[in-house]
C-alpha atoms as a PDB file:
ATOM      1  CA  MET A   1      27.848  13.315  52.204  1.00  0.00           C
ATOM      2  CA  ARG A   2      28.980  15.567  49.350  1.00  0.00           C
ATOM      3  CA  LYS A   3      30.612  12.616  47.633  1.00  0.00           C
ATOM      4  CA  LEU A   4      27.431  10.558  47.979  1.00  0.00           C
ATOM      5  CA  THR A   5      25.284  13.368  46.587  1.00  0.00           C
ATOM      6  CA  GLY A   6      27.751  13.894  43.766  1.00  0.00           C
ATOM      7  CA  ALA A   7      27.796  10.186  42.945  1.00  0.00           C
ATOM      8  CA  LEU A   8      23.975  10.036  42.975  1.00  0.00           C
ATOM      9  CA  CYS A   9      23.746  13.088  40.688  1.00  0.00           C
ATOM     10  CA  LEU A  10      26.351  11.619  38.360  1.00  0.00           C
ATOM     11  CA  GLY A  11      24.508   8.282  38.300  1.00  0.00           C
ATOM     12  CA  LEU A  12      21.190  10.014  37.661  1.00  0.00           C
ATOM     13  CA  PHE A  13      22.744  12.123  34.892  1.00  0.00           C
ATOM     14  CA  ALA A  14      24.253   9.011  33.274  1.00  0.00           C
ATOM     15  CA  ALA A  15      20.933   7.182  33.426  1.00  0.00           C
ATOM     16  CA  MET A  16      19.089  10.094  31.840  1.00  0.00           C
ATOM     17  CA  SER A  17      21.621  10.544  29.070  1.00  0.00           C
ATOM     18  CA  THR A  18      21.682   6.859  28.113  1.00  0.00           C
ATOM     19  CA  PRO A  19      20.020   6.444  24.706  1.00  0.00           C
ATOM     20  CA  ALA A  20      16.834   4.428  24.499  1.00  0.00           C
ATOM     21  CA  LEU A  21      17.333   0.724  24.136  1.00  0.00           C
ATOM     22  CA  ALA A  22      16.477  -0.826  20.793  1.00  0.00           C
ATOM     23  CA  ALA A  23      13.662  -2.835  22.412  1.00  0.00           C
ATOM     24  CA  ASP A  24      12.004   0.416  23.536  1.00  0.00           C
ATOM     25  CA  ILE A  25      11.704   1.600  19.930  1.00  0.00           C
ATOM     26  CA  ALA A  26      10.256  -0.512  17.153  1.00  0.00           C
ATOM     27  CA  VAL A  27       9.193  -0.009  13.569  1.00  0.00           C
ATOM     28  CA  LEU A  28       6.112  -1.178  11.743  1.00  0.00           C
ATOM     29  CA  ASP A  29       5.119  -1.056   8.094  1.00  0.00           C
ATOM     30  CA  TRP A  30       1.377  -1.226   8.712  1.00  0.00           C
ATOM     31  CA  ARG A  31       0.554  -1.207   4.986  1.00  0.00           C
ATOM     32  CA  GLN A  32       2.692  -4.285   4.406  1.00  0.00           C
ATOM     33  CA  ALA A  33       1.260  -5.985   7.481  1.00  0.00           C
ATOM     34  CA  LEU A  34      -2.267  -5.446   6.187  1.00  0.00           C
ATOM     35  CA  LEU A  35      -1.572  -6.256   2.533  1.00  0.00           C
ATOM     36  CA  GLU A  36       0.154  -9.514   3.400  1.00  0.00           C
ATOM     37  CA  SER A  37      -2.687 -10.627   5.654  1.00  0.00           C
ATOM     38  CA  ASP A  38      -4.985 -13.437   4.577  1.00  0.00           C
ATOM     39  CA  ASP A  39      -7.991 -11.096   4.625  1.00  0.00           C
ATOM     40  CA  ALA A  40      -6.284  -8.685   2.229  1.00  0.00           C
ATOM     41  CA  GLN A  41      -5.382 -11.508  -0.123  1.00  0.00           C
ATOM     42  CA  GLN A  42      -8.982 -12.734  -0.055  1.00  0.00           C
ATOM     43  CA  SER A  43     -10.312  -9.228  -0.619  1.00  0.00           C
ATOM     44  CA  MET A  44      -7.998  -8.735  -3.613  1.00  0.00           C
ATOM     45  CA  SER A  45      -9.065 -12.080  -5.024  1.00  0.00           C
ATOM     46  CA  GLU A  46     -12.744 -11.171  -4.685  1.00  0.00           C
ATOM     47  CA  LEU A  47     -12.090  -7.816  -6.336  1.00  0.00           C
ATOM     48  CA  GLN A  48     -10.274  -9.516  -9.197  1.00  0.00           C
ATOM     49  CA  ASN A  49     -13.254 -11.823  -9.682  1.00  0.00           C
ATOM     50  CA  GLN A  50     -15.589  -8.812  -9.784  1.00  0.00           C
ATOM     51  CA  ILE A  51     -13.608  -6.604 -12.158  1.00  0.00           C
ATOM     52  CA  GLY A  52     -11.482  -9.150 -14.009  1.00  0.00           C
ATOM     53  CA  SER A  53     -13.595  -9.094 -17.166  1.00  0.00           C
ATOM     54  CA  GLN A  54     -13.681  -5.280 -17.222  1.00  0.00           C
ATOM     55  CA  GLN A  55      -9.937  -5.139 -16.720  1.00  0.00           C
ATOM     56  CA  GLN A  56      -9.326  -7.608 -19.556  1.00  0.00           C
ATOM     57  CA  GLU A  57     -11.664  -5.671 -21.837  1.00  0.00           C
ATOM     58  CA  ALA A  58      -9.865  -2.423 -20.947  1.00  0.00           C
ATOM     59  CA  GLU A  59      -6.467  -3.984 -21.710  1.00  0.00           C
ATOM     60  CA  ALA A  60      -7.697  -5.304 -25.056  1.00  0.00           C
ATOM     61  CA  LEU A  61      -9.240  -1.932 -25.939  1.00  0.00           C
ATOM     62  CA  GLY A  62      -6.027  -0.177 -24.936  1.00  0.00           C
ATOM     63  CA  GLN A  63      -4.082  -2.323 -27.364  1.00  0.00           C
ATOM     64  CA  GLU A  64      -6.634  -1.719 -30.128  1.00  0.00           C
ATOM     65  CA  VAL A  65      -6.507   2.025 -29.521  1.00  0.00           C
ATOM     66  CA  GLN A  66      -2.736   1.966 -29.711  1.00  0.00           C
ATOM     67  CA  GLN A  67      -2.814  -0.051 -32.941  1.00  0.00           C
ATOM     68  CA  LEU A  68      -5.358   2.325 -34.471  1.00  0.00           C
ATOM     69  CA  GLN A  69      -3.212   5.322 -33.538  1.00  0.00           C
ATOM     70  CA  GLN A  70      -0.163   3.697 -35.108  1.00  0.00           C
ATOM     71  CA  ARG A  71      -2.137   2.809 -38.226  1.00  0.00           C
ATOM     72  CA  LEU A  72      -3.401   6.372 -38.571  1.00  0.00           C
ATOM     73  CA  GLN A  73       0.103   7.762 -38.151  1.00  0.00           C
ATOM     74  CA  ARG A  74       1.605   5.286 -40.562  1.00  0.00           C
ATOM     75  CA  ASP A  75      -1.100   5.102 -43.246  1.00  0.00           C
ATOM     76  CA  GLY A  76      -3.146   8.238 -42.620  1.00  0.00           C
ATOM     77  CA  ALA A  77      -1.621  10.158 -45.507  1.00  0.00           C
ATOM     78  CA  THR A  78      -2.415   7.381 -48.009  1.00  0.00           C
ATOM     79  CA  MET A  79      -5.940   6.634 -46.748  1.00  0.00           C
ATOM     80  CA  SER A  80      -8.993   7.985 -48.465  1.00  0.00           C
ATOM     81  CA  GLU A  81     -10.914  10.639 -46.564  1.00  0.00           C
ATOM     82  CA  SER A  82     -13.735   8.193 -45.718  1.00  0.00           C
ATOM     83  CA  GLN A  83     -11.246   5.544 -44.492  1.00  0.00           C
ATOM     84  CA  ARG A  84      -9.467   8.111 -42.339  1.00  0.00           C
ATOM     85  CA  GLN A  85     -12.766   9.407 -40.891  1.00  0.00           C
ATOM     86  CA  ALA A  86     -13.916   5.859 -40.143  1.00  0.00           C
ATOM     87  CA  ALA A  87     -10.615   5.080 -38.426  1.00  0.00           C
ATOM     88  CA  VAL A  88     -10.756   8.306 -36.402  1.00  0.00           C
ATOM     89  CA  GLN A  89     -14.359   7.594 -35.389  1.00  0.00           C
ATOM     90  CA  GLU A  90     -13.438   4.037 -34.365  1.00  0.00           C
ATOM     91  CA  LEU A  91     -10.476   5.394 -32.419  1.00  0.00           C
ATOM     92  CA  GLN A  92     -12.701   7.886 -30.581  1.00  0.00           C
ATOM     93  CA  GLU A  93     -15.330   5.251 -29.749  1.00  0.00           C
ATOM     94  CA  LYS A  94     -12.814   2.704 -28.514  1.00  0.00           C
ATOM     95  CA  GLY A  95     -10.837   5.371 -26.687  1.00  0.00           C
ATOM     96  CA  GLY A  96     -13.988   6.552 -24.915  1.00  0.00           C
ATOM     97  CA  ARG A  97     -14.933   3.017 -23.923  1.00  0.00           C
ATOM     98  CA  PHE A  98     -11.360   2.408 -22.741  1.00  0.00           C
ATOM     99  CA  GLN A  99     -11.449   5.516 -20.521  1.00  0.00           C
ATOM    100  CA  GLN A 100     -14.861   4.529 -19.144  1.00  0.00           C
ATOM    101  CA  LEU A 101     -13.652   1.027 -18.253  1.00  0.00           C
ATOM    102  CA  ARG A 102     -10.502   2.391 -16.641  1.00  0.00           C
ATOM    103  CA  ARG A 103     -12.543   4.749 -14.456  1.00  0.00           C
ATOM    104  CA  GLN A 104     -14.834   1.893 -13.421  1.00  0.00           C
ATOM    105  CA  VAL A 105     -11.903  -0.357 -12.509  1.00  0.00           C
ATOM    106  CA  VAL A 106     -10.163   2.408 -10.543  1.00  0.00           C
ATOM    107  CA  GLN A 107     -13.395   3.277  -8.735  1.00  0.00           C
ATOM    108  CA  ALA A 108     -14.057  -0.368  -7.846  1.00  0.00           C
ATOM    109  CA  ARG A 109     -10.508  -0.705  -6.491  1.00  0.00           C
ATOM    110  CA  LYS A 110     -10.849   2.434  -4.380  1.00  0.00           C
ATOM    111  CA  GLN A 111     -14.171   1.306  -2.944  1.00  0.00           C
ATOM    112  CA  SER A 112     -12.820  -2.154  -2.185  1.00  0.00           C
ATOM    113  CA  GLU A 113      -9.713  -0.704  -0.556  1.00  0.00           C
ATOM    114  CA  GLN A 114     -11.735   1.727   1.569  1.00  0.00           C
ATOM    115  CA  GLN A 115     -14.108  -1.013   2.649  1.00  0.00           C
ATOM    116  CA  PHE A 116     -11.204  -3.312   3.550  1.00  0.00           C
ATOM    117  CA  MET A 117      -9.400  -0.572   5.499  1.00  0.00           C
ATOM    118  CA  GLN A 118     -12.526   0.290   7.501  1.00  0.00           C
ATOM    119  CA  GLN A 119     -13.038  -3.374   8.329  1.00  0.00           C
ATOM    120  CA  ALA A 120      -9.366  -4.046   9.114  1.00  0.00           C
ATOM    121  CA  GLN A 121      -8.488  -0.936  11.112  1.00  0.00           C
ATOM    122  CA  PRO A 122      -9.857  -2.091  14.493  1.00  0.00           C
ATOM    123  CA  ARG A 123      -8.132  -5.460  14.116  1.00  0.00           C
ATOM    124  CA  LEU A 124      -4.877  -3.738  13.152  1.00  0.00           C
ATOM    125  CA  GLU A 125      -5.088  -1.517  16.222  1.00  0.00           C
ATOM    126  CA  ARG A 126      -5.661  -4.538  18.477  1.00  0.00           C
ATOM    127  CA  ALA A 127      -2.714  -6.371  16.883  1.00  0.00           C
ATOM    128  CA  VAL A 128      -0.465  -3.344  17.372  1.00  0.00           C
ATOM    129  CA  ASP A 129      -1.554  -3.064  21.005  1.00  0.00           C
ATOM    130  CA  GLN A 130      -0.663  -6.733  21.545  1.00  0.00           C
ATOM    131  CA  ILE A 131       2.789  -6.238  20.006  1.00  0.00           C
ATOM    132  CA  ILE A 132       3.448  -3.103  22.059  1.00  0.00           C
ATOM    133  CA  GLU A 133       2.563  -4.970  25.233  1.00  0.00           C
ATOM    134  CA  ARG A 134       4.475  -8.138  24.255  1.00  0.00           C
ATOM    135  CA  HIS A 135       7.728  -6.288  23.547  1.00  0.00           C
ATOM    136  CA  ASP A 136       7.229  -3.434  26.050  1.00  0.00           C
ATOM    137  CA  ILE A 137       7.595  -0.918  23.222  1.00  0.00           C
ATOM    138  CA  GLU A 138       7.614   2.745  24.196  1.00  0.00           C
ATOM    139  CA  VAL A 139       7.837   4.228  20.700  1.00  0.00           C
ATOM    140  CA  LEU A 140       6.436   2.634  17.547  1.00  0.00           C
ATOM    141  CA  VAL A 141       7.446   4.336  14.306  1.00  0.00           C
ATOM    142  CA  ASP A 142       6.295   3.812  10.731  1.00  0.00           C
ATOM    143  CA  ARG A 143       9.174   1.941   9.074  1.00  0.00           C
ATOM    144  CA  ASN A 144       8.953   4.174   6.013  1.00  0.00           C
ATOM    145  CA  GLY A 145       9.457   7.233   8.215  1.00  0.00           C
ATOM    146  CA  VAL A 146      12.828   6.146   9.604  1.00  0.00           C
ATOM    147  CA  ILE A 147      15.621   7.943   7.817  1.00  0.00           C
ATOM    148  CA  GLN A 148      18.558   6.594   9.780  1.00  0.00           C
ATOM    149  CA  ALA A 149      19.036   4.448  12.850  1.00  0.00           C
ATOM    150  CA  LYS A 150      22.155   3.253  14.569  1.00  0.00           C
ATOM    151  CA  GLY A 151      21.880  -0.472  15.009  1.00  0.00           C
ATOM    152  CA  ASP A 152      18.887  -2.585  14.243  1.00  0.00           C
ATOM    153  CA  LEU A 153      15.437  -1.569  15.354  1.00  0.00           C
ATOM    154  CA  LEU A 154      12.876  -4.178  16.236  1.00  0.00           C
ATOM    155  CA  ASP A 155      10.628  -4.616  13.167  1.00  0.00           C
ATOM    156  CA  VAL A 156       7.234  -5.964  14.236  1.00  0.00           C
ATOM    157  CA  THR A 157       5.573  -5.976  10.804  1.00  0.00           C
ATOM    158  CA  ASP A 158       5.584  -9.757  10.382  1.00  0.00           C
ATOM    159  CA  GLU A 159       4.275 -10.286  13.907  1.00  0.00           C
ATOM    160  CA  VAL A 160       1.371  -7.912  13.267  1.00  0.00           C
ATOM    161  CA  THR A 161       0.535  -9.836  10.090  1.00  0.00           C
ATOM    162  CA  GLU A 162       0.608 -13.110  12.039  1.00  0.00           C
ATOM    163  CA  ILE A 163      -1.771 -11.714  14.641  1.00  0.00           C
ATOM    164  CA  LEU A 164      -4.091 -10.428  11.905  1.00  0.00           C
ATOM    165  CA  ASN A 165      -4.102 -13.868  10.298  1.00  0.00           C
ATOM    166  CA  SER A 166      -4.716 -15.671  13.572  1.00  0.00           C
ATOM    167  CA  SER A 167      -7.614 -13.405  14.558  1.00  0.00           C
ATOM    168  CA  ASN A 168      -9.816 -14.526  11.649  1.00  0.00           C
END
């Protein structure tokens, strides 16, 4: 009886000390799964259509501002006072417009991203639930949060993206 109890305790101890199987733990890069989804690509395309002209104007103004700065540095000492003042005024006007356009583009991107995330979050949660059930996952970790792992962990990022794409 003592031997049986000892063997049972030893077996129980061995079972408890066995590390979790790789299938019990999986990783997910949810940002990548969302950004690679068809909906995200469509949302980015729509955003580009909305702000494309502003972005192009901002890029062109940025180049003009840079050229004006270089011109003032290079030729400022030889310019007449009126030429220098005109160049400085032009630089300030274009620089102000450049900053305004940049703020508008950044704001539009933030709004679009927030709107997409609010719309996509329930679908992402359903996709993750499906993956957890499919693979009998006990622990799902953000892939970017894993510092070190012995062996390969199950990465379900691509599967989540597939589910997101198929649930359109």
